[in-house]
């Protein structure tokens, strides 16, 4: 089952990312952005970056001999970190962002693939085959670097680009206080997910007897 989920996650993740690129870049250029600006715009979304991370984790573990093709993405800390981040993608989109727009056609398909399907597949894969009981609460400080760095990037880019990837980060429209509350809420949710991930990792390891020694 683990290998099936890994292959399915890789195939669907790649398909979703490629399709998103193919439809977003032309639409973005039609909206007035340059080619480079459109590419930067696409890769400014936490969803896209996190799905790329999931694809790289799956790819790193494709070798049947156990050799990691991309060692940096094959370790248990990265696997757990991506599981946390992609769970955040699922929760924030399902509870907040999905209500803000109504995509149609291929945009709807990409939304479903990258916000719902790939997160579910990755987390299931991680629980079945990726968790090994080696994560520690001390890893949380390392995992938190990703969302904090992303937040800094998104807010720093906004005045120059005149846009933000997500509406709740729009200081010009919502005000600094509102954005601060939203950012703290999402960061707090990420922190809670980190703690849950460590507990889940150890619980799975105990249940399967797979904890590394």
C-alpha atoms as a PDB file:
ATOM      1  CA  UNK A   1       0.000   0.000   0.000  1.00  0.00           C
ATOM      2  CA  UNK A   2       2.840   2.383   0.825  1.00  0.00           C
ATOM      3  CA  UNK A   3       4.391   1.981  -2.620  1.00  0.00           C
ATOM      4  CA  UNK A   4       1.010   2.475  -4.303  1.00  0.00           C
ATOM      5  CA  UNK A   5       0.351   5.678  -2.362  1.00  0.00           C
ATOM      6  CA  UNK A   6       3.852   6.924  -3.150  1.00  0.00           C
ATOM      7  CA  UNK A   7       3.487   6.293  -6.887  1.00  0.00           C
ATOM      8  CA  UNK A   8      -0.020   7.746  -6.949  1.00  0.00           C
ATOM      9  CA  UNK A   9       1.094  10.812  -5.014  1.00  0.00           C
ATOM     10  CA  UNK A  10       4.027  11.328  -7.362  1.00  0.00           C
ATOM     11  CA  UNK A  11       1.972  10.908 -10.533  1.00  0.00           C
ATOM     12  CA  UNK A  12      -0.931  13.076  -9.395  1.00  0.00           C
ATOM     13  CA  UNK A  13       1.343  15.685  -7.860  1.00  0.00           C
ATOM     14  CA  UNK A  14       3.389  16.006 -11.042  1.00  0.00           C
ATOM     15  CA  UNK A  15       0.271  16.116 -13.203  1.00  0.00           C
ATOM     16  CA  UNK A  16      -1.303  18.792 -11.015  1.00  0.00           C
ATOM     17  CA  UNK A  17       1.835  20.943 -10.967  1.00  0.00           C
ATOM     18  CA  UNK A  18       2.445  20.691 -14.710  1.00  0.00           C
ATOM     19  CA  UNK A  19      -1.192  21.427 -15.494  1.00  0.00           C
ATOM     20  CA  UNK A  20      -1.219  24.363 -13.074  1.00  0.00           C
ATOM     21  CA  UNK A  21       1.875  25.779 -14.757  1.00  0.00           C
ATOM     22  CA  UNK A  22       0.404  25.346 -18.238  1.00  0.00           C
ATOM     23  CA  UNK A  23      -2.840  27.144 -17.447  1.00  0.00           C
ATOM     24  CA  UNK A  24      -1.605  29.745 -14.963  1.00  0.00           C
ATOM     25  CA  UNK A  25       1.256  31.223 -16.974  1.00  0.00           C
ATOM     26  CA  UNK A  26      -0.852  32.148 -20.055  1.00  0.00           C
ATOM     27  CA  UNK A  27      -3.684  33.470 -17.857  1.00  0.00           C
ATOM     28  CA  UNK A  28      -1.227  35.495 -15.796  1.00  0.00           C
ATOM     29  CA  UNK A  29       0.377  36.993 -18.904  1.00  0.00           C
ATOM     30  CA  UNK A  30      -3.057  37.894 -20.245  1.00  0.00           C
ATOM     31  CA  UNK A  31      -3.627  39.729 -16.959  1.00  0.00           C
ATOM     32  CA  UNK A  32      -0.619  41.920 -17.709  1.00  0.00           C
ATOM     33  CA  UNK A  33       2.332  40.191 -16.073  1.00  0.00           C
ATOM     34  CA  UNK A  34       5.518  39.388 -17.968  1.00  0.00           C
ATOM     35  CA  UNK A  35       6.630  35.796 -18.477  1.00  0.00           C
ATOM     36  CA  UNK A  36       9.126  36.082 -15.632  1.00  0.00           C
ATOM     37  CA  UNK A  37       6.579  37.864 -13.459  1.00  0.00           C
ATOM     38  CA  UNK A  38       4.053  35.125 -14.154  1.00  0.00           C
ATOM     39  CA  UNK A  39       6.520  32.404 -13.182  1.00  0.00           C
ATOM     40  CA  UNK A  40       7.436  34.230  -9.970  1.00  0.00           C
ATOM     41  CA  UNK A  41       3.730  34.736  -9.259  1.00  0.00           C
ATOM     42  CA  UNK A  42       3.032  30.999  -9.605  1.00  0.00           C
ATOM     43  CA  UNK A  43       5.946  29.977  -7.420  1.00  0.00           C
ATOM     44  CA  UNK A  44       4.917  32.483  -4.762  1.00  0.00           C
ATOM     45  CA  UNK A  45       2.107  30.198  -3.590  1.00  0.00           C
ATOM     46  CA  UNK A  46       2.689  28.057  -0.493  1.00  0.00           C
ATOM     47  CA  UNK A  47       0.556  25.355  -2.132  1.00  0.00           C
ATOM     48  CA  UNK A  48       2.826  25.109  -5.167  1.00  0.00           C
ATOM     49  CA  UNK A  49       6.045  25.086  -3.153  1.00  0.00           C
ATOM     50  CA  UNK A  50       4.726  22.462  -0.752  1.00  0.00           C
ATOM     51  CA  UNK A  51       3.454  20.204  -3.532  1.00  0.00           C
ATOM     52  CA  UNK A  52       6.880  20.439  -5.161  1.00  0.00           C
ATOM     53  CA  UNK A  53       8.336  19.323  -1.843  1.00  0.00           C
ATOM     54  CA  UNK A  54       5.969  16.345  -1.747  1.00  0.00           C
ATOM     55  CA  UNK A  55       6.925  15.338  -5.301  1.00  0.00           C
ATOM     56  CA  UNK A  56      10.633  15.558  -4.403  1.00  0.00           C
ATOM     57  CA  UNK A  57      10.122  13.368  -1.329  1.00  0.00           C
ATOM     58  CA  UNK A  58       8.315  10.742  -3.397  1.00  0.00           C
ATOM     59  CA  UNK A  59      10.970  10.926  -6.099  1.00  0.00           C
ATOM     60  CA  UNK A  60      13.795  10.589  -3.591  1.00  0.00           C
ATOM     61  CA  UNK A  61      12.448   7.201  -2.491  1.00  0.00           C
ATOM     62  CA  UNK A  62      11.717   5.651  -5.885  1.00  0.00           C
ATOM     63  CA  UNK A  63      14.798   3.428  -5.957  1.00  0.00           C
ATOM     64  CA  UNK A  64      13.884  -0.205  -5.332  1.00  0.00           C
ATOM     65  CA  UNK A  65      17.348  -0.804  -3.848  1.00  0.00           C
ATOM     66  CA  UNK A  66      16.702   1.642  -1.034  1.00  0.00           C
ATOM     67  CA  UNK A  67      19.232   4.153  -2.347  1.00  0.00           C
ATOM     68  CA  UNK A  68      17.955   7.693  -1.959  1.00  0.00           C
ATOM     69  CA  UNK A  69      17.986   9.485  -5.313  1.00  0.00           C
ATOM     70  CA  UNK A  70      17.610  12.863  -3.607  1.00  0.00           C
ATOM     71  CA  UNK A  71      19.088  12.305  -0.123  1.00  0.00           C
ATOM     72  CA  UNK A  72      18.139  15.760   1.124  1.00  0.00           C
ATOM     73  CA  UNK A  73      14.440  14.901   0.705  1.00  0.00           C
ATOM     74  CA  UNK A  74      14.587  11.275   1.827  1.00  0.00           C
ATOM     75  CA  UNK A  75      15.252  11.792   5.534  1.00  0.00           C
ATOM     76  CA  UNK A  76      12.552  11.331   8.176  1.00  0.00           C
ATOM     77  CA  UNK A  77      12.670  14.979   9.271  1.00  0.00           C
ATOM     78  CA  UNK A  78      11.954  16.257   5.757  1.00  0.00           C
ATOM     79  CA  UNK A  79       9.232  13.631   5.239  1.00  0.00           C
ATOM     80  CA  UNK A  80       7.471  14.691   8.428  1.00  0.00           C
ATOM     81  CA  UNK A  81       7.958  18.388   7.665  1.00  0.00           C
ATOM     82  CA  UNK A  82       6.348  18.043   4.247  1.00  0.00           C
ATOM     83  CA  UNK A  83       3.475  16.055   5.774  1.00  0.00           C
ATOM     84  CA  UNK A  84       2.874  18.917   8.211  1.00  0.00           C
ATOM     85  CA  UNK A  85       3.067  21.615   5.539  1.00  0.00           C
ATOM     86  CA  UNK A  86       0.789  19.832   3.092  1.00  0.00           C
ATOM     87  CA  UNK A  87      -1.747  19.224   5.860  1.00  0.00           C
ATOM     88  CA  UNK A  88      -1.713  22.980   6.441  1.00  0.00           C
ATOM     89  CA  UNK A  89      -2.392  23.463   2.716  1.00  0.00           C
ATOM     90  CA  UNK A  90      -5.444  21.201   2.977  1.00  0.00           C
ATOM     91  CA  UNK A  91      -6.868  22.798   6.127  1.00  0.00           C
ATOM     92  CA  UNK A  92      -6.385  26.464   5.187  1.00  0.00           C
ATOM     93  CA  UNK A  93      -7.767  25.963   1.701  1.00  0.00           C
ATOM     94  CA  UNK A  94     -10.770  23.899   2.812  1.00  0.00           C
ATOM     95  CA  UNK A  95     -11.721  26.220   5.660  1.00  0.00           C
ATOM     96  CA  UNK A  96     -10.802  29.659   4.308  1.00  0.00           C
ATOM     97  CA  UNK A  97      -9.654  29.996   0.721  1.00  0.00           C
ATOM     98  CA  UNK A  98     -12.155  27.709  -0.998  1.00  0.00           C
ATOM     99  CA  UNK A  99     -14.920  30.132  -0.035  1.00  0.00           C
ATOM    100  CA  UNK A 100     -13.219  33.090  -1.732  1.00  0.00           C
ATOM    101  CA  UNK A 101     -13.389  32.025  -5.364  1.00  0.00           C
ATOM    102  CA  UNK A 102     -15.132  29.554  -7.653  1.00  0.00           C
ATOM    103  CA  UNK A 103     -12.635  28.076 -10.120  1.00  0.00           C
ATOM    104  CA  UNK A 104     -13.969  26.420 -13.241  1.00  0.00           C
ATOM    105  CA  UNK A 105     -12.707  23.840 -15.687  1.00  0.00           C
ATOM    106  CA  UNK A 106      -9.000  23.009 -15.488  1.00  0.00           C
ATOM    107  CA  UNK A 107      -8.473  25.513 -12.681  1.00  0.00           C
ATOM    108  CA  UNK A 108     -11.004  23.595 -10.607  1.00  0.00           C
ATOM    109  CA  UNK A 109      -9.255  20.326 -11.434  1.00  0.00           C
ATOM    110  CA  UNK A 110      -5.903  21.748 -10.307  1.00  0.00           C
ATOM    111  CA  UNK A 111      -7.471  23.058  -7.128  1.00  0.00           C
ATOM    112  CA  UNK A 112      -8.858  19.651  -6.258  1.00  0.00           C
ATOM    113  CA  UNK A 113      -5.619  17.842  -7.106  1.00  0.00           C
ATOM    114  CA  UNK A 114      -3.205  20.161  -5.286  1.00  0.00           C
ATOM    115  CA  UNK A 115      -5.328  21.149  -2.290  1.00  0.00           C
ATOM    116  CA  UNK A 116      -7.155  17.919  -1.521  1.00  0.00           C
ATOM    117  CA  UNK A 117      -5.890  14.842  -3.368  1.00  0.00           C
ATOM    118  CA  UNK A 118      -2.133  15.252  -2.984  1.00  0.00           C
ATOM    119  CA  UNK A 119      -2.332  16.215   0.718  1.00  0.00           C
ATOM    120  CA  UNK A 120      -4.466  13.173   1.534  1.00  0.00           C
ATOM    121  CA  UNK A 121      -2.221  10.842  -0.463  1.00  0.00           C
ATOM    122  CA  UNK A 122       0.957  12.214   1.089  1.00  0.00           C
ATOM    123  CA  UNK A 123      -0.259  12.080   4.674  1.00  0.00           C
ATOM    124  CA  UNK A 124      -1.610   8.545   4.213  1.00  0.00           C
ATOM    125  CA  UNK A 125       1.692   7.498   2.656  1.00  0.00           C
ATOM    126  CA  UNK A 126       3.629   9.089   5.507  1.00  0.00           C
ATOM    127  CA  UNK A 127       1.544   7.338   8.161  1.00  0.00           C
ATOM    128  CA  UNK A 128       1.876   3.977   6.412  1.00  0.00           C
ATOM    129  CA  UNK A 129       5.433   4.074   5.099  1.00  0.00           C
ATOM    130  CA  UNK A 130       7.144   7.335   6.007  1.00  0.00           C
ATOM    131  CA  UNK A 131       6.792   7.580   9.790  1.00  0.00           C
ATOM    132  CA  UNK A 132       9.473   5.738  11.750  1.00  0.00           C
ATOM    133  CA  UNK A 133       9.433   7.206  15.242  1.00  0.00           C
ATOM    134  CA  UNK A 134      12.648   9.202  14.879  1.00  0.00           C
ATOM    135  CA  UNK A 135      11.203  12.733  14.975  1.00  0.00           C
ATOM    136  CA  UNK A 136      11.640  14.791  18.135  1.00  0.00           C
ATOM    137  CA  UNK A 137       9.960  17.860  19.593  1.00  0.00           C
ATOM    138  CA  UNK A 138      13.267  19.626  18.966  1.00  0.00           C
ATOM    139  CA  UNK A 139      12.592  19.216  15.218  1.00  0.00           C
ATOM    140  CA  UNK A 140       9.721  21.689  15.493  1.00  0.00           C
ATOM    141  CA  UNK A 141      12.042  24.692  15.532  1.00  0.00           C
ATOM    142  CA  UNK A 142      13.549  23.424  12.279  1.00  0.00           C
ATOM    143  CA  UNK A 143      10.131  22.831  10.650  1.00  0.00           C
ATOM    144  CA  UNK A 144       8.911  26.300  11.633  1.00  0.00           C
ATOM    145  CA  UNK A 145      11.576  27.911   9.441  1.00  0.00           C
ATOM    146  CA  UNK A 146       9.573  27.101   6.292  1.00  0.00           C
ATOM    147  CA  UNK A 147       6.277  28.906   7.059  1.00  0.00           C
ATOM    148  CA  UNK A 148       8.046  31.833   8.730  1.00  0.00           C
ATOM    149  CA  UNK A 149      10.438  32.280   5.788  1.00  0.00           C
ATOM    150  CA  UNK A 150       7.506  32.030   3.389  1.00  0.00           C
ATOM    151  CA  UNK A 151       5.546  34.642   5.325  1.00  0.00           C
ATOM    152  CA  UNK A 152       8.500  37.033   5.314  1.00  0.00           C
ATOM    153  CA  UNK A 153       8.913  36.527   1.562  1.00  0.00           C
ATOM    154  CA  UNK A 154       5.218  37.059   0.774  1.00  0.00           C
ATOM    155  CA  UNK A 155       4.980  40.235   2.842  1.00  0.00           C
ATOM    156  CA  UNK A 156       8.298  41.636   1.601  1.00  0.00           C
ATOM    157  CA  UNK A 157       7.340  41.005  -2.033  1.00  0.00           C
ATOM    158  CA  UNK A 158       3.900  42.610  -1.749  1.00  0.00           C
ATOM    159  CA  UNK A 159       4.916  46.316  -1.911  1.00  0.00           C
ATOM    160  CA  UNK A 160       7.056  45.705  -4.996  1.00  0.00           C
ATOM    161  CA  UNK A 161       4.718  43.326  -6.827  1.00  0.00           C
ATOM    162  CA  UNK A 162       1.515  45.066  -5.815  1.00  0.00           C
ATOM    163  CA  UNK A 163      -0.077  41.715  -4.982  1.00  0.00           C
ATOM    164  CA  UNK A 164      -0.082  38.930  -2.429  1.00  0.00           C
ATOM    165  CA  UNK A 165      -0.596  35.215  -3.050  1.00  0.00           C
ATOM    166  CA  UNK A 166      -3.355  34.974  -0.438  1.00  0.00           C
ATOM    167  CA  UNK A 167      -6.010  37.608   0.424  1.00  0.00           C
ATOM    168  CA  UNK A 168      -5.513  37.378   4.187  1.00  0.00           C
ATOM    169  CA  UNK A 169      -1.921  38.633   3.706  1.00  0.00           C
ATOM    170  CA  UNK A 170      -3.013  41.842   1.978  1.00  0.00           C
ATOM    171  CA  UNK A 171      -1.881  44.621   4.320  1.00  0.00           C
ATOM    172  CA  UNK A 172      -3.088  47.390   1.984  1.00  0.00           C
ATOM    173  CA  UNK A 173      -6.627  46.019   1.969  1.00  0.00           C
ATOM    174  CA  UNK A 174      -6.994  44.437   5.398  1.00  0.00           C
ATOM    175  CA  UNK A 175      -4.628  46.481   7.530  1.00  0.00           C
ATOM    176  CA  UNK A 176      -1.506  45.418   9.383  1.00  0.00           C
ATOM    177  CA  UNK A 177      -3.386  44.283  12.499  1.00  0.00           C
ATOM    178  CA  UNK A 178      -5.676  41.947  10.572  1.00  0.00           C
ATOM    179  CA  UNK A 179      -2.775  40.457   8.627  1.00  0.00           C
ATOM    180  CA  UNK A 180      -0.814  39.988  11.853  1.00  0.00           C
ATOM    181  CA  UNK A 181      -3.722  38.103  13.432  1.00  0.00           C
ATOM    182  CA  UNK A 182      -4.122  35.911  10.340  1.00  0.00           C
ATOM    183  CA  UNK A 183      -0.404  35.207  10.161  1.00  0.00           C
ATOM    184  CA  UNK A 184      -0.274  34.308  13.846  1.00  0.00           C
ATOM    185  CA  UNK A 185      -3.301  32.042  13.478  1.00  0.00           C
ATOM    186  CA  UNK A 186      -1.796  30.135  10.552  1.00  0.00           C
ATOM    187  CA  UNK A 187       1.596  29.934  12.265  1.00  0.00           C
ATOM    188  CA  UNK A 188      -0.091  28.697  15.423  1.00  0.00           C
ATOM    189  CA  UNK A 189      -1.950  26.054  13.439  1.00  0.00           C
ATOM    190  CA  UNK A 190       1.321  24.948  11.873  1.00  0.00           C
ATOM    191  CA  UNK A 191       2.858  24.652  15.343  1.00  0.00           C
ATOM    192  CA  UNK A 192      -0.045  22.491  16.535  1.00  0.00           C
ATOM    193  CA  UNK A 193       0.337  20.286  13.467  1.00  0.00           C
ATOM    194  CA  UNK A 194       4.037  19.896  14.254  1.00  0.00           C
ATOM    195  CA  UNK A 195       3.242  18.581  17.729  1.00  0.00           C
ATOM    196  CA  UNK A 196       0.569  16.247  16.358  1.00  0.00           C
ATOM    197  CA  UNK A 197       3.026  14.956  13.754  1.00  0.00           C
ATOM    198  CA  UNK A 198       5.640  14.050  16.372  1.00  0.00           C
ATOM    199  CA  UNK A 199       3.024  12.255  18.462  1.00  0.00           C
ATOM    200  CA  UNK A 200       1.641  10.466  15.390  1.00  0.00           C
ATOM    201  CA  UNK A 201       5.128   9.470  14.263  1.00  0.00           C
ATOM    202  CA  UNK A 202       5.873   7.800  17.582  1.00  0.00           C
ATOM    203  CA  UNK A 203       2.414   6.242  17.824  1.00  0.00           C
ATOM    204  CA  UNK A 204       2.764   4.667  14.377  1.00  0.00           C
ATOM    205  CA  UNK A 205       6.246   3.421  15.213  1.00  0.00           C
ATOM    206  CA  UNK A 206       5.006   1.805  18.420  1.00  0.00           C
ATOM    207  CA  UNK A 207       2.078   0.202  16.619  1.00  0.00           C
ATOM    208  CA  UNK A 208       4.243  -1.241  13.848  1.00  0.00           C
ATOM    209  CA  UNK A 209       7.407  -1.897  15.837  1.00  0.00           C
ATOM    210  CA  UNK A 210       9.400   0.038  13.214  1.00  0.00           C
ATOM    211  CA  UNK A 211      11.077   2.637  15.407  1.00  0.00           C
ATOM    212  CA  UNK A 212      14.691   3.120  14.381  1.00  0.00           C
ATOM    213  CA  UNK A 213      17.273   2.238  17.034  1.00  0.00           C
END
